[in-house]
Amino acid sequence: MNINKSIFGTRLKQLMKSYGETTYSIGRHFKLSPPSISRYTRGEMAPKMTTLYALADYFGVNPEWLMGKPVSMYQSDVLDDSDIGAEKSLVSVSVFDEIRYDLPIFSNHRIKRELQMPLDQLTKWGPVFGYRIPDESMSPILQPDDLVIIRLDTEVQSGNAVAFHANGENMKIRKVIVQGKQLIAQPVNPNVDAVSYHIQQDRVQIIGRVVYCLHQEETYFKR
């Protein structure tokens, strides 16, 4: 199979930016030199097919999309969508049990469970990852061990359930209110205190927002 070096480089760069990866973190993970990763992202060099498939598996994307072909970013579990329709095709989304401040998203620990989502919905959302709720701070809306999907999005709107880092701590999910340079993080559980952060001084880094929850029944969150 032929790899379009230019499109491959652009798409790899997009994935790396979305998930907080660097030439060093990718190079370390795949035992490649950072200059080689840079040459990939600039479209100067194509990887071996084994490397391309490993990259596609790491980011959970369709290897043919990564090659530069005009196909969906996500690979369906159904080999032939023509019989049932793409909207019914399912895609596996990796789920993590923590997202550390000092690691790119995909370098964190993945749990064995995956989320199965419709291909057409993931195509609308774009880059996403799964996360297992660790505590009761957002109960009863998001309960411990619920699985959620977080859409990468640095735009914050008051009222959203937002995933963020602050002061170098592991990722939190809270409903937020934005007032100028202040971000007020509100838990749903009344036994957990709300916290106000200064976006710059407290090193607030917005990761994305919760768009789906697998609880006792699935829930989609609208903007």
C-alpha atoms as a PDB file:
ATOM      1  CA  MET A   1       0.000   0.000   0.000  1.00  0.00           C
ATOM      2  CA  ASN A   2       1.220   3.481  -0.850  1.00  0.00           C
ATOM      3  CA  ILE A   3       1.516   6.145   1.829  1.00  0.00           C
ATOM      4  CA  ASN A   4       0.880   9.763   0.895  1.00  0.00           C
ATOM      5  CA  LYS A   5       3.767  11.284   2.845  1.00  0.00           C
ATOM      6  CA  SER A   6       2.314  14.797   2.900  1.00  0.00           C
ATOM      7  CA  ILE A   7      -1.157  13.801   4.147  1.00  0.00           C
ATOM      8  CA  PHE A   8       0.294  11.233   6.526  1.00  0.00           C
ATOM      9  CA  GLY A   9       2.541  13.912   8.028  1.00  0.00           C
ATOM     10  CA  THR A  10      -0.339  16.354   8.432  1.00  0.00           C
ATOM     11  CA  ARG A  11      -2.583  13.758  10.076  1.00  0.00           C
ATOM     12  CA  LEU A  12       0.119  12.467  12.388  1.00  0.00           C
ATOM     13  CA  LYS A  13       0.897  16.030  13.437  1.00  0.00           C
ATOM     14  CA  GLN A  14      -2.836  16.610  14.065  1.00  0.00           C
ATOM     15  CA  LEU A  15      -3.051  13.512  16.270  1.00  0.00           C
ATOM     16  CA  MET A  16       0.074  14.422  18.196  1.00  0.00           C
ATOM     17  CA  LYS A  17      -1.191  17.940  18.855  1.00  0.00           C
ATOM     18  CA  SER A  18      -4.672  16.745  19.863  1.00  0.00           C
ATOM     19  CA  TYR A  19      -3.364  14.189  22.350  1.00  0.00           C
ATOM     20  CA  GLY A  20      -0.447  16.170  23.748  1.00  0.00           C
ATOM     21  CA  GLU A  21       2.271  14.040  22.174  1.00  0.00           C
ATOM     22  CA  THR A  22       5.705  15.326  21.170  1.00  0.00           C
ATOM     23  CA  THR A  23       8.412  14.029  18.874  1.00  0.00           C
ATOM     24  CA  TYR A  24      10.192  12.859  22.031  1.00  0.00           C
ATOM     25  CA  SER A  25       7.228  11.023  23.568  1.00  0.00           C
ATOM     26  CA  ILE A  26       6.336   9.301  20.284  1.00  0.00           C
ATOM     27  CA  GLY A  27       9.971   8.509  19.585  1.00  0.00           C
ATOM     28  CA  ARG A  28      10.409   7.035  23.061  1.00  0.00           C
ATOM     29  CA  HIS A  29       7.258   4.916  22.765  1.00  0.00           C
ATOM     30  CA  PHE A  30       8.109   3.513  19.329  1.00  0.00           C
ATOM     31  CA  LYS A  31      11.896   3.449  19.793  1.00  0.00           C
ATOM     32  CA  LEU A  32      12.402   5.961  16.987  1.00  0.00           C
ATOM     33  CA  SER A  33      14.536   9.098  17.002  1.00  0.00           C
ATOM     34  CA  PRO A  34      12.789  12.480  17.443  1.00  0.00           C
ATOM     35  CA  PRO A  35      14.330  13.706  14.135  1.00  0.00           C
ATOM     36  CA  SER A  36      12.636  10.771  12.366  1.00  0.00           C
ATOM     37  CA  ILE A  37       9.259  11.733  13.865  1.00  0.00           C
ATOM     38  CA  SER A  38       9.862  15.334  12.759  1.00  0.00           C
ATOM     39  CA  ARG A  39      10.569  14.141   9.215  1.00  0.00           C
ATOM     40  CA  TYR A  40       7.299  12.192   9.302  1.00  0.00           C
ATOM     41  CA  THR A  41       5.286  15.238  10.377  1.00  0.00           C
ATOM     42  CA  ARG A  42       6.931  17.417   7.693  1.00  0.00           C
ATOM     43  CA  GLY A  43       6.034  14.903   4.998  1.00  0.00           C
ATOM     44  CA  GLU A  44       9.672  14.258   4.151  1.00  0.00           C
ATOM     45  CA  MET A  45       9.673  10.553   4.969  1.00  0.00           C
ATOM     46  CA  ALA A  46       7.126   7.740   5.143  1.00  0.00           C
ATOM     47  CA  PRO A  47       7.306   5.119   7.907  1.00  0.00           C
ATOM     48  CA  LYS A  48       7.523   1.386   7.410  1.00  0.00           C
ATOM     49  CA  MET A  49       4.123  -0.262   7.212  1.00  0.00           C
ATOM     50  CA  THR A  50       4.697  -1.968  10.566  1.00  0.00           C
ATOM     51  CA  THR A  51       5.330   1.442  12.140  1.00  0.00           C
ATOM     52  CA  LEU A  52       2.276   2.976  10.472  1.00  0.00           C
ATOM     53  CA  TYR A  53       0.014   0.200  11.754  1.00  0.00           C
ATOM     54  CA  ALA A  54       1.522   0.554  15.232  1.00  0.00           C
ATOM     55  CA  LEU A  55       0.856   4.315  15.167  1.00  0.00           C
ATOM     56  CA  ALA A  56      -2.723   3.743  13.993  1.00  0.00           C
ATOM     57  CA  ASP A  57      -3.299   1.216  16.775  1.00  0.00           C
ATOM     58  CA  TYR A  58      -1.784   3.557  19.379  1.00  0.00           C
ATOM     59  CA  PHE A  59      -4.093   6.434  18.441  1.00  0.00           C
ATOM     60  CA  GLY A  60      -7.076   4.188  17.707  1.00  0.00           C
ATOM     61  CA  VAL A  61      -7.512   5.379  14.126  1.00  0.00           C
ATOM     62  CA  ASN A  62      -8.010   3.768  10.749  1.00  0.00           C
ATOM     63  CA  PRO A  63      -4.567   2.936   9.255  1.00  0.00           C
ATOM     64  CA  GLU A  64      -5.854   3.739   5.762  1.00  0.00           C
ATOM     65  CA  TRP A  65      -6.877   7.190   6.987  1.00  0.00           C
ATOM     66  CA  LEU A  66      -3.402   7.660   8.428  1.00  0.00           C
ATOM     67  CA  MET A  67      -1.905   6.659   5.078  1.00  0.00           C
ATOM     68  CA  GLY A  68      -3.705   9.589   3.481  1.00  0.00           C
ATOM     69  CA  LYS A  69      -6.693   7.886   1.915  1.00  0.00           C
ATOM     70  CA  PRO A  70     -10.116   9.653   1.804  1.00  0.00           C
ATOM     71  CA  VAL A  71     -11.747   7.360   4.376  1.00  0.00           C
ATOM     72  CA  SER A  72     -13.129   7.734   7.896  1.00  0.00           C
ATOM     73  CA  MET A  73     -10.674   8.594  10.650  1.00  0.00           C
ATOM     74  CA  TYR A  74     -11.991   5.636  12.635  1.00  0.00           C
ATOM     75  CA  GLN A  75     -11.965   2.009  11.574  1.00  0.00           C
ATOM     76  CA  SER A  76     -15.245   0.162  11.850  1.00  0.00           C
ATOM     77  CA  ASP A  77     -15.466  -3.285  13.413  1.00  0.00           C
ATOM     78  CA  VAL A  78     -17.657  -4.218  10.442  1.00  0.00           C
ATOM     79  CA  LEU A  79     -15.649  -5.234   7.383  1.00  0.00           C
ATOM     80  CA  ASP A  80     -18.303  -4.217   4.882  1.00  0.00           C
ATOM     81  CA  ASP A  81     -20.599  -1.333   5.805  1.00  0.00           C
ATOM     82  CA  SER A  82     -22.574  -1.524   2.570  1.00  0.00           C
ATOM     83  CA  ASP A  83     -25.000  -4.131   3.933  1.00  0.00           C
ATOM     84  CA  ILE A  84     -26.015  -2.443   7.178  1.00  0.00           C
ATOM     85  CA  GLY A  85     -25.109   1.205   6.819  1.00  0.00           C
ATOM     86  CA  ALA A  86     -22.141   3.055   8.335  1.00  0.00           C
ATOM     87  CA  GLU A  87     -24.292   4.538  11.081  1.00  0.00           C
ATOM     88  CA  LYS A  88     -24.574   1.067  12.668  1.00  0.00           C
ATOM     89  CA  SER A  89     -20.859   0.260  12.469  1.00  0.00           C
ATOM     90  CA  LEU A  90     -19.117   0.187  15.832  1.00  0.00           C
ATOM     91  CA  VAL A  91     -15.666   1.444  16.771  1.00  0.00           C
ATOM     92  CA  SER A  92     -13.688   0.602  19.918  1.00  0.00           C
ATOM     93  CA  VAL A  93     -12.504   3.573  22.004  1.00  0.00           C
ATOM     94  CA  SER A  94      -9.646   3.101  24.485  1.00  0.00           C
ATOM     95  CA  VAL A  95     -10.473   3.844  28.136  1.00  0.00           C
ATOM     96  CA  PHE A  96      -8.015   5.200  30.724  1.00  0.00           C
ATOM     97  CA  ASP A  97      -8.271   5.186  34.508  1.00  0.00           C
ATOM     98  CA  GLU A  98      -6.176   8.320  35.033  1.00  0.00           C
ATOM     99  CA  ILE A  99      -4.846  11.171  32.934  1.00  0.00           C
ATOM    100  CA  ARG A 100      -1.694  12.584  34.461  1.00  0.00           C
ATOM    101  CA  TYR A 101      -0.513  16.150  33.982  1.00  0.00           C
ATOM    102  CA  ASP A 102       2.997  15.091  33.012  1.00  0.00           C
ATOM    103  CA  LEU A 103       2.040  12.495  30.384  1.00  0.00           C
ATOM    104  CA  PRO A 104       0.425  12.684  26.948  1.00  0.00           C
ATOM    105  CA  ILE A 105      -3.067  11.177  27.031  1.00  0.00           C
ATOM    106  CA  PHE A 106      -2.200   7.926  25.244  1.00  0.00           C
ATOM    107  CA  SER A 107       0.812   7.313  27.489  1.00  0.00           C
ATOM    108  CA  ASN A 108      -1.484   6.833  30.493  1.00  0.00           C
ATOM    109  CA  HIS A 109      -2.712   3.466  31.768  1.00  0.00           C
ATOM    110  CA  ARG A 110      -5.482   1.861  29.734  1.00  0.00           C
ATOM    111  CA  ILE A 111      -8.003  -0.452  31.338  1.00  0.00           C
ATOM    112  CA  LYS A 112      -9.072  -3.693  29.663  1.00  0.00           C
ATOM    113  CA  ARG A 113     -12.588  -2.480  28.922  1.00  0.00           C
ATOM    114  CA  GLU A 114     -13.301  -0.491  25.780  1.00  0.00           C
ATOM    115  CA  LEU A 115     -16.275   1.579  24.716  1.00  0.00           C
ATOM    116  CA  GLN A 116     -18.085   0.592  21.536  1.00  0.00           C
ATOM    117  CA  MET A 117     -19.444   3.653  19.732  1.00  0.00           C
ATOM    118  CA  PRO A 118     -21.199   4.199  16.386  1.00  0.00           C
ATOM    119  CA  LEU A 119     -18.785   5.183  13.630  1.00  0.00           C
ATOM    120  CA  ASP A 120     -20.918   8.089  12.442  1.00  0.00           C
ATOM    121  CA  GLN A 121     -21.016   9.615  15.946  1.00  0.00           C
ATOM    122  CA  LEU A 122     -17.249   9.400  16.382  1.00  0.00           C
ATOM    123  CA  THR A 123     -16.789  10.970  12.968  1.00  0.00           C
ATOM    124  CA  LYS A 124     -18.855  13.960  14.149  1.00  0.00           C
ATOM    125  CA  TRP A 125     -16.913  14.284  17.401  1.00  0.00           C
ATOM    126  CA  GLY A 126     -13.404  13.924  15.993  1.00  0.00           C
ATOM    127  CA  PRO A 127     -10.542  13.063  18.417  1.00  0.00           C
ATOM    128  CA  VAL A 128     -11.838  11.463  21.632  1.00  0.00           C
ATOM    129  CA  PHE A 129     -10.723   9.174  24.433  1.00  0.00           C
ATOM    130  CA  GLY A 130     -12.463   7.152  27.107  1.00  0.00           C
ATOM    131  CA  TYR A 131     -12.111   7.594  30.865  1.00  0.00           C
ATOM    132  CA  ARG A 132     -13.344   5.674  33.899  1.00  0.00           C
ATOM    133  CA  ILE A 133     -14.821   7.925  36.587  1.00  0.00           C
ATOM    134  CA  PRO A 134     -12.695   7.414  39.736  1.00  0.00           C
ATOM    135  CA  ASP A 135     -14.779   9.019  42.495  1.00  0.00           C
ATOM    136  CA  GLU A 136     -18.135  10.411  43.615  1.00  0.00           C
ATOM    137  CA  SER A 137     -17.444  14.100  42.995  1.00  0.00           C
ATOM    138  CA  MET A 138     -19.853  14.194  40.036  1.00  0.00           C
ATOM    139  CA  SER A 139     -22.468  11.771  41.458  1.00  0.00           C
ATOM    140  CA  PRO A 140     -25.215  11.082  40.676  1.00  0.00           C
ATOM    141  CA  ILE A 141     -24.688  12.306  37.084  1.00  0.00           C
ATOM    142  CA  LEU A 142     -21.309  10.578  36.731  1.00  0.00           C
ATOM    143  CA  GLN A 143     -20.774   7.784  39.236  1.00  0.00           C
ATOM    144  CA  PRO A 144     -17.649   5.800  40.157  1.00  0.00           C
ATOM    145  CA  ASP A 145     -16.697   3.303  37.426  1.00  0.00           C
ATOM    146  CA  ASP A 146     -18.964   4.942  34.843  1.00  0.00           C
ATOM    147  CA  LEU A 147     -17.244   5.093  31.460  1.00  0.00           C
ATOM    148  CA  VAL A 148     -17.311   8.442  29.689  1.00  0.00           C
ATOM    149  CA  ILE A 149     -16.095   9.742  26.362  1.00  0.00           C
ATOM    150  CA  ILE A 150     -14.243  13.036  26.331  1.00  0.00           C
ATOM    151  CA  ARG A 151     -14.110  15.031  23.149  1.00  0.00           C
ATOM    152  CA  LEU A 152     -10.894  17.014  22.862  1.00  0.00           C
ATOM    153  CA  ASP A 153     -11.884  20.674  22.881  1.00  0.00           C
ATOM    154  CA  THR A 154     -10.134  23.631  24.510  1.00  0.00           C
ATOM    155  CA  GLU A 155     -13.220  25.840  24.179  1.00  0.00           C
ATOM    156  CA  VAL A 156     -15.007  26.163  27.517  1.00  0.00           C
ATOM    157  CA  GLN A 157     -18.654  27.020  27.937  1.00  0.00           C
ATOM    158  CA  SER A 158     -20.266  27.515  31.325  1.00  0.00           C
ATOM    159  CA  GLY A 159     -22.362  24.533  32.303  1.00  0.00           C
ATOM    160  CA  ASN A 160     -20.315  21.934  30.414  1.00  0.00           C
ATOM    161  CA  ALA A 161     -18.837  18.927  32.182  1.00  0.00           C
ATOM    162  CA  VAL A 162     -15.199  19.730  31.435  1.00  0.00           C
ATOM    163  CA  ALA A 163     -12.037  17.652  31.806  1.00  0.00           C
ATOM    164  CA  PHE A 164      -9.038  19.739  32.870  1.00  0.00           C
ATOM    165  CA  HIS A 165      -5.697  19.850  34.667  1.00  0.00           C
ATOM    166  CA  ALA A 166      -4.876  22.473  37.304  1.00  0.00           C
ATOM    167  CA  ASN A 167      -1.716  23.020  39.359  1.00  0.00           C
ATOM    168  CA  GLY A 168      -0.068  19.904  37.955  1.00  0.00           C
ATOM    169  CA  GLU A 169      -2.702  17.532  39.329  1.00  0.00           C
ATOM    170  CA  ASN A 170      -4.307  14.575  37.570  1.00  0.00           C
ATOM    171  CA  MET A 171      -7.265  15.330  35.323  1.00  0.00           C
ATOM    172  CA  LYS A 172     -10.538  16.300  36.983  1.00  0.00           C
ATOM    173  CA  ILE A 173     -14.048  16.463  35.554  1.00  0.00           C
ATOM    174  CA  ARG A 174     -16.311  19.235  36.840  1.00  0.00           C
ATOM    175  CA  LYS A 175     -19.140  21.432  35.676  1.00  0.00           C
ATOM    176  CA  VAL A 176     -17.552  24.807  35.069  1.00  0.00           C
ATOM    177  CA  ILE A 177     -18.424  28.489  35.133  1.00  0.00           C
ATOM    178  CA  VAL A 178     -16.054  30.885  33.411  1.00  0.00           C
ATOM    179  CA  GLN A 179     -15.844  34.453  34.698  1.00  0.00           C
ATOM    180  CA  GLY A 180     -13.061  36.357  32.989  1.00  0.00           C
ATOM    181  CA  LYS A 181      -9.779  34.754  34.078  1.00  0.00           C
ATOM    182  CA  GLN A 182     -11.513  32.661  36.745  1.00  0.00           C
ATOM    183  CA  LEU A 183     -12.751  29.123  36.234  1.00  0.00           C
ATOM    184  CA  ILE A 184     -15.128  27.876  38.912  1.00  0.00           C
ATOM    185  CA  ALA A 185     -15.141  24.075  39.057  1.00  0.00           C
ATOM    186  CA  GLN A 186     -18.362  22.756  40.526  1.00  0.00           C
ATOM    187  CA  PRO A 187     -18.891  19.140  41.593  1.00  0.00           C
ATOM    188  CA  VAL A 188     -22.418  17.743  41.466  1.00  0.00           C
ATOM    189  CA  ASN A 189     -22.027  15.935  44.774  1.00  0.00           C
ATOM    190  CA  PRO A 190     -22.959  18.453  47.533  1.00  0.00           C
ATOM    191  CA  ASN A 191     -20.381  16.888  49.863  1.00  0.00           C
ATOM    192  CA  VAL A 192     -17.516  17.996  47.602  1.00  0.00           C
ATOM    193  CA  ASP A 193     -16.447  21.638  47.607  1.00  0.00           C
ATOM    194  CA  ALA A 194     -16.355  23.846  44.537  1.00  0.00           C
ATOM    195  CA  VAL A 195     -12.945  25.328  43.690  1.00  0.00           C
ATOM    196  CA  SER A 196     -12.105  28.566  41.918  1.00  0.00           C
ATOM    197  CA  TYR A 197      -8.997  28.617  39.714  1.00  0.00           C
ATOM    198  CA  HIS A 198      -7.161  31.480  38.071  1.00  0.00           C
ATOM    199  CA  ILE A 199      -6.692  30.161  34.537  1.00  0.00           C
ATOM    200  CA  GLN A 200      -3.120  31.439  34.196  1.00  0.00           C
ATOM    201  CA  GLN A 201      -1.764  31.422  37.746  1.00  0.00           C
ATOM    202  CA  ASP A 202      -3.133  27.942  38.497  1.00  0.00           C
ATOM    203  CA  ARG A 203      -1.909  26.534  35.173  1.00  0.00           C
ATOM    204  CA  VAL A 204      -5.363  25.439  34.072  1.00  0.00           C
ATOM    205  CA  GLN A 205      -5.209  23.254  30.988  1.00  0.00           C
ATOM    206  CA  ILE A 206      -8.525  22.406  29.352  1.00  0.00           C
ATOM    207  CA  ILE A 207      -8.549  18.947  27.784  1.00  0.00           C
ATOM    208  CA  GLY A 208     -12.117  18.535  26.581  1.00  0.00           C
ATOM    209  CA  ARG A 209     -15.697  17.974  27.574  1.00  0.00           C
ATOM    210  CA  VAL A 210     -17.790  14.946  28.393  1.00  0.00           C
ATOM    211  CA  VAL A 211     -20.064  14.039  25.487  1.00  0.00           C
ATOM    212  CA  TYR A 212     -21.189  10.540  26.450  1.00  0.00           C
ATOM    213  CA  CYS A 213     -21.580   8.376  29.544  1.00  0.00           C
ATOM    214  CA  LEU A 214     -22.107   4.631  29.869  1.00  0.00           C
ATOM    215  CA  HIS A 215     -23.924   4.386  33.197  1.00  0.00           C
ATOM    216  CA  GLN A 216     -26.843   2.055  33.836  1.00  0.00           C
ATOM    217  CA  GLU A 217     -28.086   3.563  30.622  1.00  0.00           C
ATOM    218  CA  GLU A 218     -26.123   5.555  28.081  1.00  0.00           C
ATOM    219  CA  THR A 219     -26.324   9.334  28.024  1.00  0.00           C
ATOM    220  CA  TYR A 220     -25.313  11.845  25.374  1.00  0.00           C
ATOM    221  CA  PHE A 221     -24.443  15.374  26.536  1.00  0.00           C
ATOM    222  CA  LYS A 222     -25.440  18.255  24.299  1.00  0.00           C
ATOM    223  CA  ARG A 223     -23.748  21.589  24.040  1.00  0.00           C
END
